[in-house]
Protein backbone atom coordinates (compact mmCIF):
# COMPACT_ATOMS: atom_id res chain seq x y z
CA MET A 1 12.95 -87.11 -6.79
CA GLY A 2 11.29 -89.02 -9.96
CA HIS A 3 13.38 -91.57 -10.61
CA HIS A 4 10.82 -94.43 -10.84
CA ILE A 5 9.95 -95.12 -14.55
CA ASN A 6 7.42 -97.43 -13.74
CA GLY A 7 5.21 -94.63 -11.86
CA LYS A 8 5.30 -92.12 -14.83
CA SER A 9 2.55 -93.27 -17.51
CA SER A 10 3.16 -89.87 -19.06
CA ILE A 11 7.11 -90.44 -20.35
CA VAL A 12 6.20 -92.40 -23.13
CA PRO A 13 3.54 -89.88 -24.66
CA LEU A 14 5.95 -87.42 -23.60
CA ILE A 15 8.43 -88.91 -25.64
CA ASP A 16 6.07 -89.38 -28.60
CA ARG A 17 5.03 -85.34 -28.23
CA LEU A 18 9.00 -83.99 -28.12
CA ASN A 19 9.46 -86.48 -31.34
CA ARG A 20 7.19 -83.91 -33.21
CA TYR A 21 9.87 -81.25 -33.32
CA PRO A 22 12.73 -80.44 -35.73
CA ILE A 23 14.95 -82.25 -33.30
CA GLY A 24 13.49 -85.15 -31.39
CA LEU A 25 14.76 -87.36 -28.84
CA PRO A 26 15.20 -91.07 -29.61
CA ASP A 27 13.47 -93.20 -27.47
CA ASN A 28 15.34 -96.20 -25.30
CA GLU A 29 16.26 -96.32 -21.22
CA LYS A 30 18.41 -94.36 -20.90
CA LEU A 31 16.19 -91.10 -22.07
CA ARG A 32 13.21 -92.34 -19.87
CA GLN A 33 15.31 -92.25 -16.71
CA ILE A 34 16.43 -88.51 -17.74
CA LEU A 35 12.94 -87.28 -18.41
CA ALA A 36 11.78 -89.76 -15.15
CA ILE A 37 14.09 -87.06 -12.95
CA LEU A 38 13.09 -84.34 -14.79
CA PHE A 39 9.97 -84.38 -15.43
CA SER A 40 7.18 -85.29 -12.45
CA GLU A 41 4.01 -87.34 -13.03
CA ASP A 42 2.28 -83.96 -13.69
CA GLU A 43 4.52 -81.84 -15.28
CA ALA A 44 4.60 -85.21 -17.79
CA TYR A 45 1.78 -85.62 -18.23
CA VAL A 46 1.33 -81.70 -19.32
CA ALA A 47 3.53 -81.57 -21.63
CA SER A 48 2.75 -84.51 -23.29
CA ARG A 49 -0.12 -82.52 -24.15
CA PHE A 50 1.29 -79.11 -25.10
CA PRO A 51 0.66 -77.81 -28.36
CA LEU A 52 3.79 -77.81 -31.08
CA GLN A 53 3.81 -73.73 -30.44
CA GLU A 54 3.75 -70.92 -28.39
CA ALA A 55 0.22 -71.67 -25.99
CA THR A 56 -1.72 -69.31 -24.03
CA MET A 57 -3.19 -70.15 -20.94
CA LYS A 58 -6.90 -70.72 -22.43
CA GLU A 59 -5.53 -73.38 -25.26
CA LEU A 60 -3.42 -75.46 -22.64
CA VAL A 61 -6.60 -75.66 -20.39
CA ARG A 62 -8.47 -76.98 -23.70
CA ALA A 63 -4.85 -79.19 -24.48
CA THR A 64 -4.79 -80.52 -21.16
CA GLY A 65 -8.90 -80.88 -19.57
CA TRP A 66 -7.07 -79.27 -16.34
CA GLN A 67 -8.77 -75.66 -15.18
CA GLU A 68 -6.02 -72.97 -14.41
CA GLU A 69 -5.57 -73.55 -11.10
CA ARG A 70 -4.66 -76.53 -11.28
CA LEU A 71 -2.16 -75.64 -14.29
CA LEU A 72 -0.63 -72.51 -13.10
CA PRO A 73 1.63 -74.12 -10.35
CA VAL A 74 2.66 -77.13 -12.48
CA LEU A 75 3.86 -74.21 -15.26
CA ASP A 76 5.72 -72.78 -12.87
CA SER A 77 7.36 -75.55 -11.62
CA MET A 78 8.43 -76.55 -14.93
CA ALA A 79 9.64 -72.76 -16.41
CA ASN A 80 11.45 -72.73 -12.77
CA LYS A 81 13.19 -76.56 -14.16
CA GLY A 82 13.75 -75.14 -17.79
CA LEU A 83 11.50 -77.43 -19.45
CA ILE A 84 9.05 -75.09 -20.97
CA MET A 85 9.44 -70.94 -21.63
CA ASP A 86 7.12 -69.00 -20.58
CA MET A 87 6.87 -65.43 -22.24
CA VAL A 88 5.01 -61.96 -21.32
CA TYR A 89 4.05 -60.04 -24.50
CA GLY A 90 1.59 -57.62 -23.19
CA ARG A 91 -0.87 -58.86 -20.58
CA ARG A 92 -0.59 -62.28 -21.64
CA THR A 93 1.43 -65.21 -21.08
CA TYR A 94 2.55 -67.21 -23.51
CA TYR A 95 3.60 -71.25 -22.98
CA LEU A 96 5.90 -73.05 -25.19
CA LEU A 97 7.64 -76.75 -24.38
CA LEU A 98 10.95 -76.57 -25.12
CA PRO A 99 12.73 -79.42 -26.96
CA GLY A 100 15.37 -81.90 -25.77
CA LEU A 101 18.39 -79.96 -28.04
CA ILE A 102 18.68 -77.72 -27.87
CA GLY A 103 16.61 -76.86 -24.46
CA PHE A 104 16.08 -78.69 -21.70
CA PHE A 105 19.09 -80.37 -21.64
CA GLU A 106 21.07 -77.81 -21.75
CA LEU A 107 18.90 -75.41 -19.50
CA THR A 108 19.16 -78.85 -16.99
CA PHE A 109 23.47 -77.49 -16.29
CA MET A 110 23.26 -73.75 -17.16
CA LYS A 111 22.21 -72.71 -13.17
CA GLN A 112 23.56 -73.85 -9.94
CA ARG A 113 20.84 -76.99 -8.76
CA GLN A 114 20.28 -78.35 -5.36
CA ASP A 115 16.66 -79.79 -6.85
CA LEU A 116 18.50 -82.62 -9.26
CA PRO A 117 20.72 -85.56 -8.59
CA VAL A 118 23.11 -83.21 -11.73
CA LYS A 119 25.93 -86.33 -11.41
CA GLU A 120 23.76 -88.57 -12.17
CA LEU A 121 21.87 -86.58 -14.78
CA ALA A 122 25.36 -85.74 -16.35
CA GLN A 123 26.14 -88.92 -16.59
CA LEU A 124 22.67 -90.47 -18.13
CA MET A 125 23.42 -87.40 -20.58
CA HIS A 126 26.89 -88.33 -21.97
CA GLU A 127 25.35 -91.87 -22.28
CA TYR A 128 22.53 -91.33 -23.86
CA LEU A 129 24.11 -88.77 -26.41
CA PHE A 130 27.55 -90.42 -26.92
CA GLU A 131 27.44 -94.34 -26.68
CA ASP A 132 24.29 -95.61 -28.44
CA PRO A 133 26.21 -97.80 -31.11
CA ASP A 134 23.88 -96.35 -33.94
CA ASP A 135 24.42 -92.89 -32.73
CA ARG A 136 20.44 -91.98 -33.58
CA MET A 137 20.96 -88.75 -31.42
CA GLY A 138 23.58 -87.83 -33.67
CA ASN A 139 21.76 -88.66 -37.13
CA GLU A 140 18.51 -86.54 -35.30
CA PHE A 141 20.65 -83.39 -34.83
CA PHE A 142 22.92 -84.05 -37.69
CA ALA A 143 21.93 -85.46 -39.96
CA SER A 144 19.48 -82.98 -41.74
CA PRO A 145 20.40 -81.21 -44.89
CA THR A 146 20.07 -77.52 -43.02
CA PRO A 147 21.60 -77.14 -39.45
CA LEU A 148 20.17 -75.80 -36.69
CA THR A 149 23.33 -74.28 -35.58
CA ARG A 150 25.87 -71.60 -37.63
CA SER A 151 29.11 -70.46 -36.96
CA LEU A 152 30.89 -67.19 -37.12
CA ALA A 153 33.76 -65.42 -38.13
CA TYR A 154 35.81 -63.40 -36.38
CA GLU A 155 35.48 -59.86 -38.07
CA GLU A 156 38.69 -59.01 -37.92
CA HIS A 157 40.51 -62.03 -39.79
CA ILE A 158 37.13 -60.64 -42.44
CA PRO A 159 38.64 -59.51 -45.57
CA VAL A 160 38.78 -55.69 -45.80
CA GLU A 161 36.66 -56.01 -49.21
CA SER A 162 34.58 -58.78 -48.10
CA VAL A 163 30.78 -57.38 -47.40
CA VAL A 164 29.47 -59.05 -43.76
CA THR A 165 25.94 -58.70 -43.20
CA THR A 166 24.77 -58.12 -40.08
CA TRP A 167 24.17 -61.42 -39.28
CA GLU A 168 27.16 -62.94 -39.91
CA SER A 169 28.54 -60.85 -37.04
CA ALA A 170 28.14 -61.69 -33.43
CA ARG A 171 28.90 -58.50 -32.84
CA GLU A 172 26.54 -57.11 -35.29
CA ILE A 173 23.62 -59.25 -33.86
CA VAL A 174 24.79 -58.68 -29.81
CA LYS A 175 24.11 -54.73 -30.59
CA ASN A 176 20.95 -55.95 -32.70
CA ALA A 177 19.55 -57.83 -30.09
CA GLY A 178 17.29 -55.01 -28.01
CA TYR A 179 18.72 -57.57 -24.49
CA GLY A 180 20.95 -59.50 -23.36
CA ALA A 181 22.46 -62.17 -20.45
CA VAL A 182 25.16 -64.11 -20.26
CA GLY A 183 25.20 -67.11 -18.66
CA MET A 184 26.71 -70.57 -17.47
CA CYS A 185 28.52 -73.07 -20.45
CA TYR A 186 26.06 -76.09 -20.31
CA CYS A 187 28.76 -78.38 -22.16
CA ARG A 188 31.64 -77.32 -19.72
CA HIS A 189 29.63 -77.48 -16.63
CA LYS A 190 27.79 -80.99 -17.24
CA LYS A 191 31.78 -82.44 -18.12
CA GLU A 192 32.64 -80.43 -14.37
CA HIS A 193 29.84 -83.51 -13.82
CA LEU A 194 32.27 -85.83 -15.46
CA ASN A 195 35.52 -84.72 -13.51
CA GLU A 196 37.03 -83.34 -17.03
CA THR A 197 37.82 -79.52 -17.38
CA CYS A 198 38.23 -77.38 -20.37
CA ASP A 199 41.25 -78.13 -22.53
CA LYS A 200 41.71 -74.64 -22.99
CA GLY A 201 41.03 -73.18 -20.05
CA ALA A 202 37.77 -71.10 -20.97
CA PRO A 203 35.59 -70.38 -18.13
CA THR A 204 32.02 -72.41 -16.86
CA GLU A 205 30.68 -68.98 -15.71
CA ASN A 206 29.39 -66.26 -18.08
CA ILE A 207 30.24 -67.37 -21.18
CA CYS A 208 27.81 -68.27 -22.93
CA ILE A 209 24.88 -65.48 -24.57
CA SER A 210 21.44 -65.55 -24.75
CA LEU A 211 19.63 -63.02 -26.61
CA GLY A 212 16.35 -61.09 -26.89
CA SER A 213 12.30 -62.91 -25.62
CA ALA A 214 15.18 -65.90 -24.10
CA ALA A 215 17.38 -63.90 -22.84
CA LYS A 216 14.58 -62.03 -20.94
CA PHE A 217 13.40 -65.47 -19.63
CA MET A 218 16.61 -66.82 -18.36
CA VAL A 219 16.89 -64.29 -16.49
CA ARG A 220 13.73 -64.23 -15.07
CA ARG A 221 13.96 -67.88 -14.32
CA GLY A 222 17.70 -67.20 -13.14
CA PHE A 223 19.36 -69.45 -15.86
CA ALA A 224 21.20 -65.76 -16.62
CA GLU A 225 22.41 -62.72 -16.00
CA GLU A 226 21.34 -59.39 -17.48
CA ARG A 227 24.46 -57.64 -19.29
CA ASN A 228 24.41 -54.46 -21.62
CA VAL A 229 26.29 -54.07 -24.75
CA ASP A 230 29.50 -53.67 -24.38
CA GLN A 231 29.84 -56.01 -21.60
CA LEU A 232 28.58 -58.20 -24.38
CA LEU A 233 31.10 -57.68 -26.45
CA ALA A 234 33.78 -58.48 -23.64
CA VAL A 235 31.80 -61.79 -23.69
CA LEU A 236 33.40 -62.14 -27.40
CA ASP A 237 36.61 -60.76 -27.07
CA THR A 238 37.14 -62.98 -24.00
CA ALA A 239 35.85 -66.16 -25.85
CA ARG A 240 38.51 -64.81 -29.27
CA GLU A 241 41.18 -64.36 -26.35
CA LEU A 242 41.02 -68.38 -25.95
CA ASN A 243 40.44 -68.97 -29.52
CA LEU A 244 36.65 -70.61 -29.31
CA THR A 245 34.15 -71.15 -32.24
CA HIS A 246 30.77 -68.90 -32.00
CA ILE A 247 28.13 -70.78 -32.62
CA THR A 248 24.52 -68.99 -33.25
CA ASP A 249 21.14 -70.21 -34.47
CA ASN A 250 21.04 -70.93 -38.50
CA ILE A 251 18.79 -67.12 -38.93
CA ARG A 252 19.29 -64.42 -39.84
CA HIS A 253 16.61 -62.60 -38.12
CA LYS A 254 16.92 -62.40 -34.40
CA PRO A 255 19.23 -65.33 -33.09
CA SER A 256 18.50 -66.47 -29.70
CA PHE A 257 21.95 -67.22 -28.25
CA ILE A 258 25.78 -67.12 -29.00
CA CYS A 259 27.52 -70.24 -27.83
CA ASN A 260 31.33 -69.68 -27.39
CA CYS A 261 32.47 -73.10 -27.79
CA CYS A 262 35.86 -75.62 -27.64
CA SER A 263 36.32 -78.64 -29.71
CA CYS A 264 37.16 -80.69 -25.94
CA CYS A 265 33.15 -80.00 -24.36
CA CYS A 266 30.84 -78.98 -26.74
CA GLU A 267 28.28 -81.13 -27.66
CA LEU A 268 27.48 -79.19 -31.51
CA LEU A 269 31.20 -79.29 -32.45
CA GLY A 270 31.49 -82.86 -30.75
CA GLY A 271 28.72 -83.54 -34.11
CA VAL A 272 31.60 -82.13 -36.40
CA LEU A 273 34.02 -84.40 -34.89
CA ARG A 274 32.10 -87.49 -35.21
CA GLY A 275 31.58 -87.71 -38.92
CA PHE A 276 28.75 -84.76 -39.35
CA PRO A 277 31.03 -82.23 -40.95
CA GLY A 278 28.13 -80.45 -42.28
CA GLY A 279 26.58 -80.87 -39.07
CA VAL A 280 26.99 -77.15 -37.99
CA ALA A 281 26.35 -74.51 -40.74
CA LYS A 282 29.38 -72.93 -41.76
CA ALA A 283 29.82 -69.60 -41.78
CA GLY A 284 30.86 -67.62 -45.65
CA TYR A 285 34.47 -68.32 -45.37
CA THR A 286 37.17 -71.28 -45.89
CA LEU A 287 41.17 -70.55 -44.82
CA ALA A 288 43.74 -69.79 -47.11
CA ILE A 289 47.45 -71.04 -45.99
CA GLU A 290 50.47 -69.13 -47.56
CA ALA A 291 52.93 -72.19 -48.45
CA GLU A 292 55.98 -69.48 -48.43
CA SER A 293 55.63 -68.36 -45.04
CA CYS A 294 54.18 -71.00 -42.95
CA LYS A 295 56.69 -72.56 -40.36
CA GLY A 296 54.23 -75.43 -39.61
CA CYS A 297 54.53 -74.86 -35.99
CA GLY A 298 50.93 -75.90 -35.11
CA LEU A 299 49.72 -73.14 -33.34
CA CYS A 300 46.62 -72.82 -35.82
CA GLN A 301 46.30 -76.81 -35.14
CA LYS A 302 45.62 -76.28 -31.45
CA ALA A 303 43.55 -73.31 -32.17
CA CYS A 304 41.21 -74.73 -35.18
CA ASN A 305 37.97 -76.39 -32.76
CA ALA A 306 36.37 -78.32 -35.83
CA GLU A 307 40.11 -80.55 -35.74
CA ALA A 308 40.43 -79.43 -39.90
CA LEU A 309 44.11 -78.42 -40.37
CA THR A 310 46.44 -81.51 -40.09
CA LYS A 311 50.62 -80.79 -39.69
CA VAL A 312 52.52 -82.63 -43.04
CA GLU A 313 55.60 -83.42 -43.60
CA ASN A 314 57.75 -81.26 -46.51
CA PRO A 315 59.49 -83.62 -48.21
CA GLY A 316 62.59 -82.37 -48.68
CA GLY A 317 61.98 -78.31 -48.36
CA LYS A 318 62.39 -75.88 -45.20
CA PRO A 319 60.57 -76.11 -42.79
CA LYS A 320 60.69 -79.74 -41.86
CA TYR A 321 56.21 -79.74 -41.74
CA LYS A 322 53.83 -77.83 -43.34
CA MET A 323 49.68 -77.60 -42.55
CA THR A 324 46.90 -78.25 -44.68
CA VAL A 325 43.71 -77.57 -44.01
CA ASP A 326 40.60 -79.94 -44.94
CA THR A 327 37.80 -77.00 -46.27
CA ASP A 328 35.24 -79.71 -45.56
CA ARG A 329 35.67 -79.81 -42.03
CA CYS A 330 37.11 -75.86 -41.77
CA LEU A 331 33.89 -74.15 -40.32
CA GLY A 332 35.03 -70.10 -41.36
CA CYS A 333 35.37 -69.11 -37.42
CA GLY A 334 39.18 -68.10 -38.13
CA ALA A 335 39.82 -69.36 -34.51
CA CYS A 336 43.60 -70.95 -35.72
CA VAL A 337 44.02 -67.33 -37.79
CA SER A 338 44.37 -65.37 -34.32
CA ALA A 339 46.83 -68.15 -33.53
CA CYS A 340 49.45 -68.43 -36.32
CA LYS A 341 52.04 -65.89 -36.07
CA THR A 342 53.70 -65.37 -38.49
CA ASP A 343 51.02 -64.32 -40.64
CA SER A 344 50.55 -67.01 -42.90
CA LEU A 345 46.35 -67.67 -42.17
CA SER A 346 44.22 -65.77 -43.99
CA MET A 347 40.04 -66.27 -44.51
CA LEU A 348 38.94 -66.37 -48.03
CA ARG A 349 34.58 -65.66 -49.02
CA VAL A 350 32.73 -68.44 -50.27
CA ASP A 351 29.30 -69.13 -51.43
CA ARG A 352 27.12 -70.70 -48.92
CA PRO A 353 23.25 -71.17 -48.05
CA GLU A 354 21.76 -67.91 -46.62
CA PRO A 355 20.38 -68.70 -43.81
CA PRO A 356 16.59 -69.21 -43.06
CA GLU A 357 14.89 -65.65 -41.97
CA LYS A 358 13.52 -66.89 -38.30
CA LYS A 359 13.33 -69.75 -36.15
CA LYS A 360 9.99 -70.88 -37.22
CA ASP A 361 11.40 -71.36 -40.71
CA LEU A 362 14.06 -72.92 -40.21
CA PHE A 363 11.89 -75.23 -38.14
CA LYS A 364 9.11 -75.52 -40.85
CA MET A 365 12.68 -76.59 -42.82
CA ILE A 366 14.09 -79.26 -40.69
CA LEU A 367 10.52 -80.21 -40.53
CA LYS A 368 9.85 -81.05 -44.01
CA GLU A 369 13.21 -82.81 -45.03
CA LYS A 370 11.92 -85.33 -42.06
CA LYS A 371 8.49 -85.66 -42.70
CA ARG A 372 6.82 -83.67 -39.93
CA LEU A 373 5.55 -80.44 -41.40
CA THR A 374 1.85 -81.65 -41.54
CA PRO A 375 1.27 -81.38 -37.81
CA PHE A 376 2.96 -78.25 -37.86
CA VAL A 377 1.31 -75.96 -40.25
CA VAL A 378 -2.39 -78.29 -39.27
CA GLU A 379 -2.18 -77.00 -35.32
CA GLY A 380 -0.52 -73.32 -36.95
CA VAL A 381 -3.78 -73.41 -38.92
CA LYS A 382 -6.35 -74.16 -36.38
CA LYS A 383 -4.63 -71.84 -33.58
CA THR A 384 -4.35 -68.78 -36.12
CA ILE A 385 -8.80 -70.02 -36.53
CA MET A 386 -9.44 -69.77 -32.95
CA ARG A 387 -7.90 -66.65 -31.83
CA LYS A 388 -9.32 -64.79 -34.09
CA ILE A 389 -12.49 -66.51 -32.80
CA GLY A 390 -11.54 -65.12 -29.13
CA MET A 391 -11.80 -69.16 -28.28
CA SER A 392 -7.66 -68.17 -27.42
């Protein structure tokens, strides 16, 4: 199974390689235990030699020093585990080493596994992500000026006079994706192995949406099931009935996923709750409360996944309580509006920074902020040259 760290000489080079991504994995003993379980020695070596961007077989042969016959079964095993993506374009297959987050940590728990000690992994991942006294992983993931993910507003609560671009709408993102699938929620599945369940009763199965080429990989490797547009829209409806928050890639062009998140299980929202209010980019809206009609019942507070609403005393007034909103924490998703029984809540359009166009643009921005951009750019230039002269 691969629990013995000392026998894996490629674990440290693997960590070094993963830390060249926009979101790295701060090294400690828990991380080394996790990687020793997930990666065989051969897999750890191959991963440590992976280019930063998608690679052809020729490029991997050159990077690892292994011949194709030796590489193929290792790459196939890694793809089945969700450690890499293999993507077919035309007659070529391209391989991409996944980051830890968002990446192979999630995929480890996005299908039922018999090949891994999942309960042990769930505990190790929880300790790694949440029990570091310095919260290095929290800072690595959430503290960059440019967030990796963003929230999406419920369209039914957007003011009628507001112009909504396609990248702001979960329903339009699904309709324009070209291909989609639905799968298991990593966060809730991992919680189940820690003997915890969702406070909102949200399902673990068939709730998280994958889109585009990522969805094709997920389906082919057993991490998700193909769905048509109407079926995916029904998943969004289910999420809204449960007051879940839609979270997607912080890009405008072809996001690869829409997670439907609760505050009790979701690790993205967990970052917001533990001191990184800007860790998830906010939708282009914020909450307004009509004080005259608000009864202070607190239903909106229960629905809010960012803990942005507070019930406070209303001295000398009726009703006894009123609700207030912390706009720094509010994600602009609209889950609370759905819960309000007195129509006292509404969404207001606010100016937000426009997300980067594509995922590569997003990665470059975060890499630049962390002073990790140069290797990414240099490798990209070399790859372009090599492919032009037919060496890849």
